[in-house]
Amino acid sequence: MVRCNKGTSAVELGMLLPVIVFMFLGAFDGGMVLWTRHTLQYAVEETARYAYANPTASDSALVSKANSYLSGFGSPASCCTTYSDGSTTYRQLTITYNYQWLTPFVTSSTVTSTVRIPQ
């Protein structure tokens, strides 16, 4: 019996292409999340250096300094808190950003970076 094999490759491509596309989009998005995390961490660390060198800087000045390093991110949520563990007083700067995934069916991820600065 002779069978016609025309179209077999098209069917196989149609079955595998969505899986391959999802894999590439997932890898791309994973890299972008890591890049976002690294950029946020860089911004908080540089702001911590600024705060350590200028201990009288206000919380709003620190938030604007952190946002100056994040010009491509719009306006991520930033906050400064001051607390004490008994012997040392700390300022804590936290930056939170909601990353929107390109991969379908994946919700947004919250990326957060925090640094603690002794006063």
PDB file of N, CA and C in Angstrom:
ATOM      1  N   MET A   1       0.826  -1.161   0.000  1.00  0.00           N
ATOM      2  CA  MET A   1       0.000   0.000   0.000  1.00  0.00           C
ATOM      3  C   MET A   1       0.886   1.245   0.000  1.00  0.00           C
ATOM      4  N   VAL A   2       0.581   2.186  -0.855  1.00  0.00           N
ATOM      5  CA  VAL A   2       1.351   3.416  -1.003  1.00  0.00           C
ATOM      6  C   VAL A   2       0.608   4.538  -0.271  1.00  0.00           C
ATOM      7  N   ARG A   3       1.350   5.268   0.582  1.00  0.00           N
ATOM      8  CA  ARG A   3       0.756   6.387   1.307  1.00  0.00           C
ATOM      9  C   ARG A   3       1.341   7.689   0.818  1.00  0.00           C
ATOM     10  N   CYS A   4       0.569   8.722   0.876  1.00  0.00           N
ATOM     11  CA  CYS A   4       1.033  10.054   0.508  1.00  0.00           C
ATOM     12  C   CYS A   4       1.517  10.750   1.777  1.00  0.00           C
ATOM     13  N   ASN A   5       2.758  11.195   1.756  1.00  0.00           N
ATOM     14  CA  ASN A   5       3.350  11.843   2.925  1.00  0.00           C
ATOM     15  C   ASN A   5       3.387  13.365   2.806  1.00  0.00           C
ATOM     16  N   LYS A   6       2.698  13.917   1.852  1.00  0.00           N
ATOM     17  CA  LYS A   6       2.689  15.367   1.680  1.00  0.00           C
ATOM     18  C   LYS A   6       1.962  16.021   2.855  1.00  0.00           C
ATOM     19  N   GLY A   7       2.548  17.056   3.359  1.00  0.00           N
ATOM     20  CA  GLY A   7       1.934  17.798   4.451  1.00  0.00           C
ATOM     21  C   GLY A   7       2.350  17.327   5.834  1.00  0.00           C
ATOM     22  N   THR A   8       3.120  16.248   5.918  1.00  0.00           N
ATOM     23  CA  THR A   8       3.552  15.756   7.225  1.00  0.00           C
ATOM     24  C   THR A   8       4.405  16.786   7.948  1.00  0.00           C
ATOM     25  N   SER A   9       5.307  17.394   7.223  1.00  0.00           N
ATOM     26  CA  SER A   9       6.193  18.402   7.840  1.00  0.00           C
ATOM     27  C   SER A   9       5.400  19.611   8.324  1.00  0.00           C
ATOM     28  N   ALA A  10       4.380  19.998   7.575  1.00  0.00           N
ATOM     29  CA  ALA A  10       3.561  21.143   7.979  1.00  0.00           C
ATOM     30  C   ALA A  10       2.795  20.844   9.262  1.00  0.00           C
ATOM     31  N   VAL A  11       2.285  19.629   9.389  1.00  0.00           N
ATOM     32  CA  VAL A  11       1.567  19.238  10.598  1.00  0.00           C
ATOM     33  C   VAL A  11       2.518  19.212  11.793  1.00  0.00           C
ATOM     34  N   GLU A  12       3.720  18.648  11.600  1.00  0.00           N
ATOM     35  CA  GLU A  12       4.699  18.609  12.689  1.00  0.00           C
ATOM     36  C   GLU A  12       5.124  20.014  13.102  1.00  0.00           C
ATOM     37  N   LEU A  13       5.323  20.891  12.112  1.00  0.00           N
ATOM     38  CA  LEU A  13       5.676  22.273  12.420  1.00  0.00           C
ATOM     39  C   LEU A  13       4.546  22.961  13.179  1.00  0.00           C
ATOM     40  N   GLY A  14       3.317  22.712  12.757  1.00  0.00           N
ATOM     41  CA  GLY A  14       2.175  23.311  13.445  1.00  0.00           C
ATOM     42  C   GLY A  14       2.039  22.852  14.882  1.00  0.00           C
ATOM     43  N   MET A  15       2.477  21.639  15.169  1.00  0.00           N
ATOM     44  CA  MET A  15       2.404  21.129  16.540  1.00  0.00           C
ATOM     45  C   MET A  15       3.555  21.642  17.397  1.00  0.00           C
ATOM     46  N   LEU A  16       4.731  21.814  16.826  1.00  0.00           N
ATOM     47  CA  LEU A  16       5.911  22.192  17.603  1.00  0.00           C
ATOM     48  C   LEU A  16       6.155  23.697  17.675  1.00  0.00           C
ATOM     49  N   LEU A  17       5.699  24.446  16.691  1.00  0.00           N
ATOM     50  CA  LEU A  17       5.983  25.880  16.655  1.00  0.00           C
ATOM     51  C   LEU A  17       5.467  26.628  17.891  1.00  0.00           C
ATOM     52  N   PRO A  18       4.237  26.383  18.354  1.00  0.00           N
ATOM     53  CA  PRO A  18       3.810  27.091  19.570  1.00  0.00           C
ATOM     54  C   PRO A  18       4.688  26.784  20.786  1.00  0.00           C
ATOM     55  N   VAL A  19       5.123  25.554  20.920  1.00  0.00           N
ATOM     56  CA  VAL A  19       5.979  25.183  22.040  1.00  0.00           C
ATOM     57  C   VAL A  19       7.317  25.914  21.945  1.00  0.00           C
ATOM     58  N   ILE A  20       7.881  25.969  20.766  1.00  0.00           N
ATOM     59  CA  ILE A  20       9.169  26.641  20.567  1.00  0.00           C
ATOM     60  C   ILE A  20       9.034  28.153  20.820  1.00  0.00           C
ATOM     61  N   VAL A  21       7.945  28.749  20.335  1.00  0.00           N
ATOM     62  CA  VAL A  21       7.730  30.185  20.539  1.00  0.00           C
ATOM     63  C   VAL A  21       7.580  30.492  22.026  1.00  0.00           C
ATOM     64  N   PHE A  22       6.812  29.672  22.752  1.00  0.00           N
ATOM     65  CA  PHE A  22       6.671  29.878  24.194  1.00  0.00           C
ATOM     66  C   PHE A  22       8.000  29.730  24.909  1.00  0.00           C
ATOM     67  N   MET A  23       8.825  28.793  24.486  1.00  0.00           N
ATOM     68  CA  MET A  23      10.136  28.625  25.112  1.00  0.00           C
ATOM     69  C   MET A  23      11.006  29.860  24.900  1.00  0.00           C
ATOM     70  N   PHE A  24      11.033  30.390  23.666  1.00  0.00           N
ATOM     71  CA  PHE A  24      11.840  31.576  23.400  1.00  0.00           C
ATOM     72  C   PHE A  24      11.302  32.810  24.134  1.00  0.00           C
ATOM     73  N   LEU A  25       9.984  32.988  24.144  1.00  0.00           N
ATOM     74  CA  LEU A  25       9.417  34.120  24.871  1.00  0.00           C
ATOM     75  C   LEU A  25       9.681  34.006  26.371  1.00  0.00           C
ATOM     76  N   GLY A  26       9.586  32.792  26.896  1.00  0.00           N
ATOM     77  CA  GLY A  26       9.868  32.582  28.317  1.00  0.00           C
ATOM     78  C   GLY A  26      11.311  32.883  28.658  1.00  0.00           C
ATOM     79  N   ALA A  27      12.233  32.451  27.792  1.00  0.00           N
ATOM     80  CA  ALA A  27      13.649  32.736  28.028  1.00  0.00           C
ATOM     81  C   ALA A  27      13.922  34.233  27.932  1.00  0.00           C
ATOM     82  N   PHE A  28      13.296  34.896  26.969  1.00  0.00           N
ATOM     83  CA  PHE A  28      13.462  36.347  26.828  1.00  0.00           C
ATOM     84  C   PHE A  28      12.915  37.072  28.055  1.00  0.00           C
ATOM     85  N   ASP A  29      11.705  36.705  28.473  1.00  0.00           N
ATOM     86  CA  ASP A  29      11.107  37.344  29.642  1.00  0.00           C
ATOM     87  C   ASP A  29      11.895  37.065  30.912  1.00  0.00           C
ATOM     88  N   GLY A  30      12.402  35.858  31.048  1.00  0.00           N
ATOM     89  CA  GLY A  30      13.225  35.543  32.214  1.00  0.00           C
ATOM     90  C   GLY A  30      14.464  36.422  32.263  1.00  0.00           C
ATOM     91  N   GLY A  31      15.093  36.629  31.118  1.00  0.00           N
ATOM     92  CA  GLY A  31      16.252  37.516  31.052  1.00  0.00           C
ATOM     93  C   GLY A  31      15.888  38.952  31.366  1.00  0.00           C
ATOM     94  N   MET A  32      14.724  39.392  30.894  1.00  0.00           N
ATOM     95  CA  MET A  32      14.295  40.760  31.177  1.00  0.00           C
ATOM     96  C   MET A  32      13.982  40.968  32.660  1.00  0.00           C
ATOM     97  N   VAL A  33      13.422  39.949  33.309  1.00  0.00           N
ATOM     98  CA  VAL A  33      13.157  40.052  34.745  1.00  0.00           C
ATOM     99  C   VAL A  33      14.477  40.146  35.509  1.00  0.00           C
ATOM    100  N   LEU A  34      15.461  39.342  35.112  1.00  0.00           N
ATOM    101  CA  LEU A  34      16.764  39.411  35.767  1.00  0.00           C
ATOM    102  C   LEU A  34      17.431  40.767  35.536  1.00  0.00           C
ATOM    103  N   TRP A  35      17.312  41.287  34.323  1.00  0.00           N
ATOM    104  CA  TRP A  35      17.875  42.606  34.023  1.00  0.00           C
ATOM    105  C   TRP A  35      17.174  43.686  34.848  1.00  0.00           C
ATOM    106  N   THR A  36      15.855  43.589  34.975  1.00  0.00           N
ATOM    107  CA  THR A  36      15.091  44.545  35.779  1.00  0.00           C
ATOM    108  C   THR A  36      15.527  44.483  37.229  1.00  0.00           C
ATOM    109  N   ARG A  37      15.682  43.284  37.753  1.00  0.00           N
ATOM    110  CA  ARG A  37      16.121  43.092  39.147  1.00  0.00           C
ATOM    111  C   ARG A  37      17.505  43.702  39.355  1.00  0.00           C
ATOM    112  N   HIS A  38      18.404  43.471  38.401  1.00  0.00           N
ATOM    113  CA  HIS A  38      19.757  44.017  38.508  1.00  0.00           C
ATOM    114  C   HIS A  38      19.730  45.547  38.468  1.00  0.00           C
ATOM    115  N   THR A  39      18.927  46.120  37.592  1.00  0.00           N
ATOM    116  CA  THR A  39      18.841  47.571  37.473  1.00  0.00           C
ATOM    117  C   THR A  39      18.267  48.197  38.747  1.00  0.00           C
ATOM    118  N   LEU A  40      17.235  47.572  39.311  1.00  0.00           N
ATOM    119  CA  LEU A  40      16.677  48.076  40.567  1.00  0.00           C
ATOM    120  C   LEU A  40      17.693  47.990  41.692  1.00  0.00           C
ATOM    121  N   GLN A  41      18.430  46.892  41.746  1.00  0.00           N
ATOM    122  CA  GLN A  41      19.437  46.733  42.798  1.00  0.00           C
ATOM    123  C   GLN A  41      20.544  47.775  42.646  1.00  0.00           C
ATOM    124  N   TYR A  42      20.948  48.048  41.409  1.00  0.00           N
ATOM    125  CA  TYR A  42      21.951  49.086  41.163  1.00  0.00           C
ATOM    126  C   TYR A  42      21.456  50.450  41.652  1.00  0.00           C
ATOM    127  N   ALA A  43      20.184  50.763  41.349  1.00  0.00           N
ATOM    128  CA  ALA A  43      19.624  52.058  41.756  1.00  0.00           C
ATOM    129  C   ALA A  43      19.579  52.190  43.277  1.00  0.00           C
ATOM    130  N   VAL A  44      19.199  51.117  43.964  1.00  0.00           N
ATOM    131  CA  VAL A  44      19.125  51.196  45.436  1.00  0.00           C
ATOM    132  C   VAL A  44      20.513  51.305  46.038  1.00  0.00           C
ATOM    133  N   GLU A  45      21.470  50.581  45.492  1.00  0.00           N
ATOM    134  CA  GLU A  45      22.829  50.639  46.039  1.00  0.00           C
ATOM    135  C   GLU A  45      23.457  52.013  45.824  1.00  0.00           C
ATOM    136  N   GLU A  46      23.254  52.602  44.651  1.00  0.00           N
ATOM    137  CA  GLU A  46      23.780  53.938  44.407  1.00  0.00           C
ATOM    138  C   GLU A  46      23.098  54.970  45.300  1.00  0.00           C
ATOM    139  N   THR A  47      21.812  54.807  45.525  1.00  0.00           N
ATOM    140  CA  THR A  47      21.099  55.705  46.427  1.00  0.00           C
ATOM    141  C   THR A  47      21.593  55.530  47.854  1.00  0.00           C
ATOM    142  N   ALA A  48      21.925  54.310  48.243  1.00  0.00           N
ATOM    143  CA  ALA A  48      22.469  54.062  49.584  1.00  0.00           C
ATOM    144  C   ALA A  48      23.820  54.741  49.745  1.00  0.00           C
ATOM    145  N   ARG A  49      24.634  54.708  48.704  1.00  0.00           N
ATOM    146  CA  ARG A  49      25.926  55.409  48.762  1.00  0.00           C
ATOM    147  C   ARG A  49      25.718  56.913  48.933  1.00  0.00           C
ATOM    148  N   TYR A  50      24.746  57.450  48.204  1.00  0.00           N
ATOM    149  CA  TYR A  50      24.427  58.867  48.314  1.00  0.00           C
ATOM    150  C   TYR A  50      23.929  59.201  49.731  1.00  0.00           C
ATOM    151  N   ALA A  51      23.066  58.343  50.272  1.00  0.00           N
ATOM    152  CA  ALA A  51      22.518  58.583  51.607  1.00  0.00           C
ATOM    153  C   ALA A  51      23.596  58.462  52.680  1.00  0.00           C
ATOM    154  N   TYR A  52      24.523  57.554  52.483  1.00  0.00           N
ATOM    155  CA  TYR A  52      25.603  57.387  53.454  1.00  0.00           C
ATOM    156  C   TYR A  52      26.534  58.599  53.440  1.00  0.00           C
ATOM    157  N   ALA A  53      26.758  59.165  52.238  1.00  0.00           N
ATOM    158  CA  ALA A  53      27.616  60.349  52.123  1.00  0.00           C
ATOM    159  C   ALA A  53      26.901  61.617  52.562  1.00  0.00           C
ATOM    160  N   ASN A  54      25.565  61.631  52.447  1.00  0.00           N
ATOM    161  CA  ASN A  54      24.756  62.795  52.833  1.00  0.00           C
ATOM    162  C   ASN A  54      23.718  62.363  53.863  1.00  0.00           C
ATOM    163  N   PRO A  55      24.100  62.211  55.118  1.00  0.00           N
ATOM    164  CA  PRO A  55      23.160  61.685  56.120  1.00  0.00           C
ATOM    165  C   PRO A  55      21.970  62.592  56.413  1.00  0.00           C
ATOM    166  N   THR A  56      22.044  63.860  56.015  1.00  0.00           N
ATOM    167  CA  THR A  56      20.918  64.756  56.264  1.00  0.00           C
ATOM    168  C   THR A  56      19.932  64.798  55.096  1.00  0.00           C
ATOM    169  N   ALA A  57      20.151  63.994  54.078  1.00  0.00           N
ATOM    170  CA  ALA A  57      19.240  63.981  52.920  1.00  0.00           C
ATOM    171  C   ALA A  57      17.862  63.497  53.346  1.00  0.00           C
ATOM    172  N   SER A  58      16.836  64.169  52.853  1.00  0.00           N
ATOM    173  CA  SER A  58      15.465  63.794  53.218  1.00  0.00           C
ATOM    174  C   SER A  58      15.040  62.527  52.471  1.00  0.00           C
ATOM    175  N   ASP A  59      13.949  61.927  52.953  1.00  0.00           N
ATOM    176  CA  ASP A  59      13.437  60.719  52.309  1.00  0.00           C
ATOM    177  C   ASP A  59      12.997  60.991  50.871  1.00  0.00           C
ATOM    178  N   SER A  60      12.376  62.144  50.647  1.00  0.00           N
ATOM    179  CA  SER A  60      11.937  62.485  49.289  1.00  0.00           C
ATOM    180  C   SER A  60      13.138  62.697  48.365  1.00  0.00           C
ATOM    181  N   ALA A  61      14.236  63.223  48.903  1.00  0.00           N
ATOM    182  CA  ALA A  61      15.447  63.380  48.092  1.00  0.00           C
ATOM    183  C   ALA A  61      16.024  62.013  47.715  1.00  0.00           C
ATOM    184  N   LEU A  62      15.956  61.066  48.637  1.00  0.00           N
ATOM    185  CA  LEU A  62      16.454  59.718  48.341  1.00  0.00           C
ATOM    186  C   LEU A  62      15.586  59.025  47.302  1.00  0.00           C
ATOM    187  N   VAL A  63      14.280  59.197  47.405  1.00  0.00           N
ATOM    188  CA  VAL A  63      13.374  58.585  46.429  1.00  0.00           C
ATOM    189  C   VAL A  63      13.604  59.177  45.051  1.00  0.00           C
ATOM    190  N   SER A  64      13.763  60.495  44.962  1.00  0.00           N
ATOM    191  CA  SER A  64      14.013  61.119  43.653  1.00  0.00           C
ATOM    192  C   SER A  64      15.379  60.725  43.109  1.00  0.00           C
ATOM    193  N   LYS A  65      16.356  60.524  43.994  1.00  0.00           N
ATOM    194  CA  LYS A  65      17.685  60.067  43.562  1.00  0.00           C
ATOM    195  C   LYS A  65      17.585  58.650  42.990  1.00  0.00           C
ATOM    196  N   ALA A  66      16.838  57.784  43.668  1.00  0.00           N
ATOM    197  CA  ALA A  66      16.662  56.415  43.171  1.00  0.00           C
ATOM    198  C   ALA A  66      15.929  56.405  41.842  1.00  0.00           C
ATOM    199  N   ASN A  67      14.907  57.238  41.711  1.00  0.00           N
ATOM    200  CA  ASN A  67      14.155  57.294  40.455  1.00  0.00           C
ATOM    201  C   ASN A  67      14.977  57.877  39.316  1.00  0.00           C
ATOM    202  N   SER A  68      15.996  58.672  39.635  1.00  0.00           N
ATOM    203  CA  SER A  68      16.841  59.223  38.571  1.00  0.00           C
ATOM    204  C   SER A  68      17.663  58.125  37.898  1.00  0.00           C
ATOM    205  N   TYR A  69      17.947  57.052  38.616  1.00  0.00           N
ATOM    206  CA  TYR A  69      18.651  55.916  38.025  1.00  0.00           C
ATOM    207  C   TYR A  69      17.712  55.001  37.239  1.00  0.00           C
ATOM    208  N   LEU A  70      16.416  55.217  37.371  1.00  0.00           N
ATOM    209  CA  LEU A  70      15.423  54.349  36.739  1.00  0.00           C
ATOM    210  C   LEU A  70      14.596  55.115  35.723  1.00  0.00           C
ATOM    211  N   SER A  71      15.242  55.876  34.867  1.00  0.00           N
ATOM    212  CA  SER A  71      14.511  56.728  33.939  1.00  0.00           C
ATOM    213  C   SER A  71      13.656  55.944  32.948  1.00  0.00           C
ATOM    214  N   GLY A  72      14.062  54.747  32.561  1.00  0.00           N
ATOM    215  CA  GLY A  72      13.293  53.957  31.598  1.00  0.00           C
ATOM    216  C   GLY A  72      12.165  53.158  32.219  1.00  0.00           C
ATOM    217  N   PHE A  73      12.019  53.211  33.519  1.00  0.00           N
ATOM    218  CA  PHE A  73      11.028  52.390  34.205  1.00  0.00           C
ATOM    219  C   PHE A  73       9.755  53.145  34.546  1.00  0.00           C
ATOM    220  N   GLY A  74       9.627  54.354  34.104  1.00  0.00           N
ATOM    221  CA  GLY A  74       8.465  55.125  34.498  1.00  0.00           C
ATOM    222  C   GLY A  74       8.651  55.615  35.921  1.00  0.00           C
ATOM    223  N   SER A  75       7.714  55.284  36.786  1.00  0.00           N
ATOM    224  CA  SER A  75       7.798  55.702  38.182  1.00  0.00           C
ATOM    225  C   SER A  75       7.512  54.512  39.093  1.00  0.00           C
ATOM    226  N   PRO A  76       8.544  53.713  39.385  1.00  0.00           N
ATOM    227  CA  PRO A  76       8.305  52.596  40.295  1.00  0.00           C
ATOM    228  C   PRO A  76       8.033  53.090  41.714  1.00  0.00           C
ATOM    229  N   ALA A  77       7.386  52.261  42.487  1.00  0.00           N
ATOM    230  CA  ALA A  77       7.061  52.617  43.873  1.00  0.00           C
ATOM    231  C   ALA A  77       8.324  52.581  44.715  1.00  0.00           C
ATOM    232  N   SER A  78       8.606  53.659  45.409  1.00  0.00           N
ATOM    233  CA  SER A  78       9.772  53.746  46.274  1.00  0.00           C
ATOM    234  C   SER A  78       9.328  54.222  47.643  1.00  0.00           C
ATOM    235  N   CYS A  79       9.979  53.715  48.667  1.00  0.00           N
ATOM    236  CA  CYS A  79       9.649  54.192  50.011  1.00  0.00           C
ATOM    237  C   CYS A  79      10.878  54.132  50.897  1.00  0.00           C
ATOM    238  N   CYS A  80      10.916  55.034  51.821  1.00  0.00           N
ATOM    239  CA  CYS A  80      11.983  55.068  52.826  1.00  0.00           C
ATOM    240  C   CYS A  80      11.340  54.886  54.191  1.00  0.00           C
ATOM    241  N   THR A  81      11.956  54.044  54.993  1.00  0.00           N
ATOM    242  CA  THR A  81      11.501  53.872  56.365  1.00  0.00           C
ATOM    243  C   THR A  81      12.703  53.973  57.284  1.00  0.00           C
ATOM    244  N   THR A  82      12.474  54.436  58.474  1.00  0.00           N
ATOM    245  CA  THR A  82      13.531  54.540  59.483  1.00  0.00           C
ATOM    246  C   THR A  82      13.135  53.667  60.661  1.00  0.00           C
ATOM    247  N   TYR A  83      14.072  52.870  61.117  1.00  0.00           N
ATOM    248  CA  TYR A  83      13.798  52.031  62.277  1.00  0.00           C
ATOM    249  C   TYR A  83      15.084  51.806  63.048  1.00  0.00           C
ATOM    250  N   SER A  84      14.945  51.306  64.258  1.00  0.00           N
ATOM    251  CA  SER A  84      16.092  51.076  65.130  1.00  0.00           C
ATOM    252  C   SER A  84      16.018  49.665  65.683  1.00  0.00           C
ATOM    253  N   ASP A  85      17.197  49.034  65.818  1.00  0.00           N
ATOM    254  CA  ASP A  85      17.241  47.701  66.426  1.00  0.00           C
ATOM    255  C   ASP A  85      17.734  47.770  67.865  1.00  0.00           C
ATOM    256  N   GLY A  86      17.709  48.944  68.435  1.00  0.00           N
ATOM    257  CA  GLY A  86      18.137  49.130  69.818  1.00  0.00           C
ATOM    258  C   GLY A  86      19.396  49.965  69.908  1.00  0.00           C
ATOM    259  N   SER A  87      20.451  49.542  69.219  1.00  0.00           N
ATOM    260  CA  SER A  87      21.709  50.276  69.299  1.00  0.00           C
ATOM    261  C   SER A  87      21.995  51.097  68.039  1.00  0.00           C
ATOM    262  N   THR A  88      21.431  50.713  66.926  1.00  0.00           N
ATOM    263  CA  THR A  88      21.699  51.391  65.663  1.00  0.00           C
ATOM    264  C   THR A  88      20.394  51.786  64.990  1.00  0.00           C
ATOM    265  N   THR A  89      20.392  52.979  64.410  1.00  0.00           N
ATOM    266  CA  THR A  89      19.240  53.443  63.644  1.00  0.00           C
ATOM    267  C   THR A  89      19.537  53.241  62.167  1.00  0.00           C
ATOM    268  N   TYR A  90      18.553  52.712  61.445  1.00  0.00           N
ATOM    269  CA  TYR A  90      18.716  52.419  60.025  1.00  0.00           C
ATOM    270  C   TYR A  90      17.674  53.161  59.208  1.00  0.00           C
ATOM    271  N   ARG A  91      18.046  53.436  57.972  1.00  0.00           N
ATOM    272  CA  ARG A  91      17.099  53.881  56.948  1.00  0.00           C
ATOM    273  C   ARG A  91      17.018  52.752  55.938  1.00  0.00           C
ATOM    274  N   GLN A  92      15.824  52.416  55.559  1.00  0.00           N
ATOM    275  CA  GLN A  92      15.658  51.342  54.575  1.00  0.00           C
ATOM    276  C   GLN A  92      14.963  51.909  53.348  1.00  0.00           C
ATOM    277  N   LEU A  93      15.562  51.699  52.192  1.00  0.00           N
ATOM    278  CA  LEU A  93      14.990  52.149  50.926  1.00  0.00           C
ATOM    279  C   LEU A  93      14.548  50.922  50.145  1.00  0.00           C
ATOM    280  N   THR A  94      13.295  50.912  49.714  1.00  0.00           N
ATOM    281  CA  THR A  94      12.737  49.798  48.956  1.00  0.00           C
ATOM    282  C   THR A  94      12.165  50.329  47.659  1.00  0.00           C
ATOM    283  N   ILE A  95      12.494  49.652  46.557  1.00  0.00           N
ATOM    284  CA  ILE A  95      11.936  49.992  45.248  1.00  0.00           C
ATOM    285  C   ILE A  95      11.187  48.770  44.741  1.00  0.00           C
ATOM    286  N   THR A  96       9.952  48.969  44.330  1.00  0.00           N
ATOM    287  CA  THR A  96       9.112  47.886  43.830  1.00  0.00           C
ATOM    288  C   THR A  96       8.653  48.237  42.425  1.00  0.00           C
ATOM    289  N   TYR A  97       8.739  47.258  41.519  1.00  0.00           N
ATOM    290  CA  TYR A  97       8.347  47.459  40.124  1.00  0.00           C
ATOM    291  C   TYR A  97       7.526  46.264  39.669  1.00  0.00           C
ATOM    292  N   ASN A  98       6.411  46.518  38.994  1.00  0.00           N
ATOM    293  CA  ASN A  98       5.584  45.442  38.448  1.00  0.00           C
ATOM    294  C   ASN A  98       5.980  45.196  37.000  1.00  0.00           C
ATOM    295  N   TYR A  99       6.583  44.037  36.750  1.00  0.00           N
ATOM    296  CA  TYR A  99       7.016  43.680  35.397  1.00  0.00           C
ATOM    297  C   TYR A  99       5.881  42.972  34.677  1.00  0.00           C
ATOM    298  N   GLN A 100       5.539  43.455  33.487  1.00  0.00           N
ATOM    299  CA  GLN A 100       4.502  42.840  32.662  1.00  0.00           C
ATOM    300  C   GLN A 100       5.152  41.882  31.674  1.00  0.00           C
ATOM    301  N   TRP A 101       4.837  40.615  31.783  1.00  0.00           N
ATOM    302  CA  TRP A 101       5.427  39.586  30.929  1.00  0.00           C
ATOM    303  C   TRP A 101       4.881  39.677  29.505  1.00  0.00           C
ATOM    304  N   LEU A 102       5.724  39.365  28.527  1.00  0.00           N
ATOM    305  CA  LEU A 102       5.298  39.287  27.135  1.00  0.00           C
ATOM    306  C   LEU A 102       4.694  37.929  26.822  1.00  0.00           C
ATOM    307  N   THR A 103       5.102  36.923  27.578  1.00  0.00           N
ATOM    308  CA  THR A 103       4.608  35.572  27.350  1.00  0.00           C
ATOM    309  C   THR A 103       3.131  35.511  27.723  1.00  0.00           C
ATOM    310  N   PRO A 104       2.292  34.995  26.812  1.00  0.00           N
ATOM    311  CA  PRO A 104       0.862  34.900  27.126  1.00  0.00           C
ATOM    312  C   PRO A 104       0.605  33.969  28.312  1.00  0.00           C
ATOM    313  N   PHE A 105      -0.475  34.225  29.009  1.00  0.00           N
ATOM    314  CA  PHE A 105      -0.941  33.419  30.135  1.00  0.00           C
ATOM    315  C   PHE A 105      -0.060  33.553  31.374  1.00  0.00           C
ATOM    316  N   VAL A 106       0.889  34.473  31.383  1.00  0.00           N
ATOM    317  CA  VAL A 106       1.724  34.704  32.558  1.00  0.00           C
ATOM    318  C   VAL A 106       1.363  36.076  33.111  1.00  0.00           C
ATOM    319  N   THR A 107       1.052  36.140  34.384  1.00  0.00           N
ATOM    320  CA  THR A 107       0.666  37.409  34.984  1.00  0.00           C
ATOM    321  C   THR A 107       1.906  38.249  35.277  1.00  0.00           C
ATOM    322  N   SER A 108       1.696  39.435  35.770  1.00  0.00           N
ATOM    323  CA  SER A 108       2.823  40.316  36.073  1.00  0.00           C
ATOM    324  C   SER A 108       3.570  39.822  37.307  1.00  0.00           C
ATOM    325  N   SER A 109       4.835  40.192  37.386  1.00  0.00           N
ATOM    326  CA  SER A 109       5.672  39.827  38.529  1.00  0.00           C
ATOM    327  C   SER A 109       6.102  41.098  39.247  1.00  0.00           C
ATOM    328  N   THR A 110       6.174  41.019  40.538  1.00  0.00           N
ATOM    329  CA  THR A 110       6.644  42.143  41.336  1.00  0.00           C
ATOM    330  C   THR A 110       8.119  41.941  41.634  1.00  0.00           C
ATOM    331  N   VAL A 111       8.932  42.900  41.202  1.00  0.00           N
ATOM    332  CA  VAL A 111      10.371  42.844  41.430  1.00  0.00           C
ATOM    333  C   VAL A 111      10.697  43.895  42.486  1.00  0.00           C
ATOM    334  N   THR A 112      11.392  43.482  43.537  1.00  0.00           N
ATOM    335  CA  THR A 112      11.674  44.372  44.660  1.00  0.00           C
ATOM    336  C   THR A 112      13.153  44.351  45.000  1.00  0.00           C
ATOM    337  N   SER A 113      13.705  45.512  45.283  1.00  0.00           N
ATOM    338  CA  SER A 113      15.082  45.633  45.773  1.00  0.00           C
ATOM    339  C   SER A 113      15.073  46.497  47.021  1.00  0.00           C
ATOM    340  N   THR A 114      15.829  46.077  48.002  1.00  0.00           N
ATOM    341  CA  THR A 114      15.856  46.767  49.287  1.00  0.00           C
ATOM    342  C   THR A 114      17.301  46.926  49.744  1.00  0.00           C
ATOM    343  N   VAL A 115      17.592  48.063  50.374  1.00  0.00           N
ATOM    344  CA  VAL A 115      18.894  48.285  50.974  1.00  0.00           C
ATOM    345  C   VAL A 115      18.674  48.957  52.331  1.00  0.00           C
ATOM    346  N   ARG A 116      19.542  48.636  53.260  1.00  0.00           N
ATOM    347  CA  ARG A 116      19.481  49.192  54.601  1.00  0.00           C
ATOM    348  C   ARG A 116      20.732  50.019  54.849  1.00  0.00           C
ATOM    349  N   ILE A 117      20.551  51.253  55.317  1.00  0.00           N
ATOM    350  CA  ILE A 117      21.655  52.184  55.496  1.00  0.00           C
ATOM    351  C   ILE A 117      21.751  52.563  56.968  1.00  0.00           C
ATOM    352  N   PRO A 118      22.893  52.321  57.623  1.00  0.00           N
ATOM    353  CA  PRO A 118      23.021  52.770  59.016  1.00  0.00           C
ATOM    354  C   PRO A 118      23.189  54.283  59.065  1.00  0.00           C
ATOM    355  N   GLN A 119      22.617  54.894  60.086  1.00  0.00           N
ATOM    356  CA  GLN A 119      22.738  56.351  60.234  1.00  0.00           C
ATOM    357  C   GLN A 119      23.701  56.689  61.327  1.00  0.00           C
TER     358      GLN A 119
END
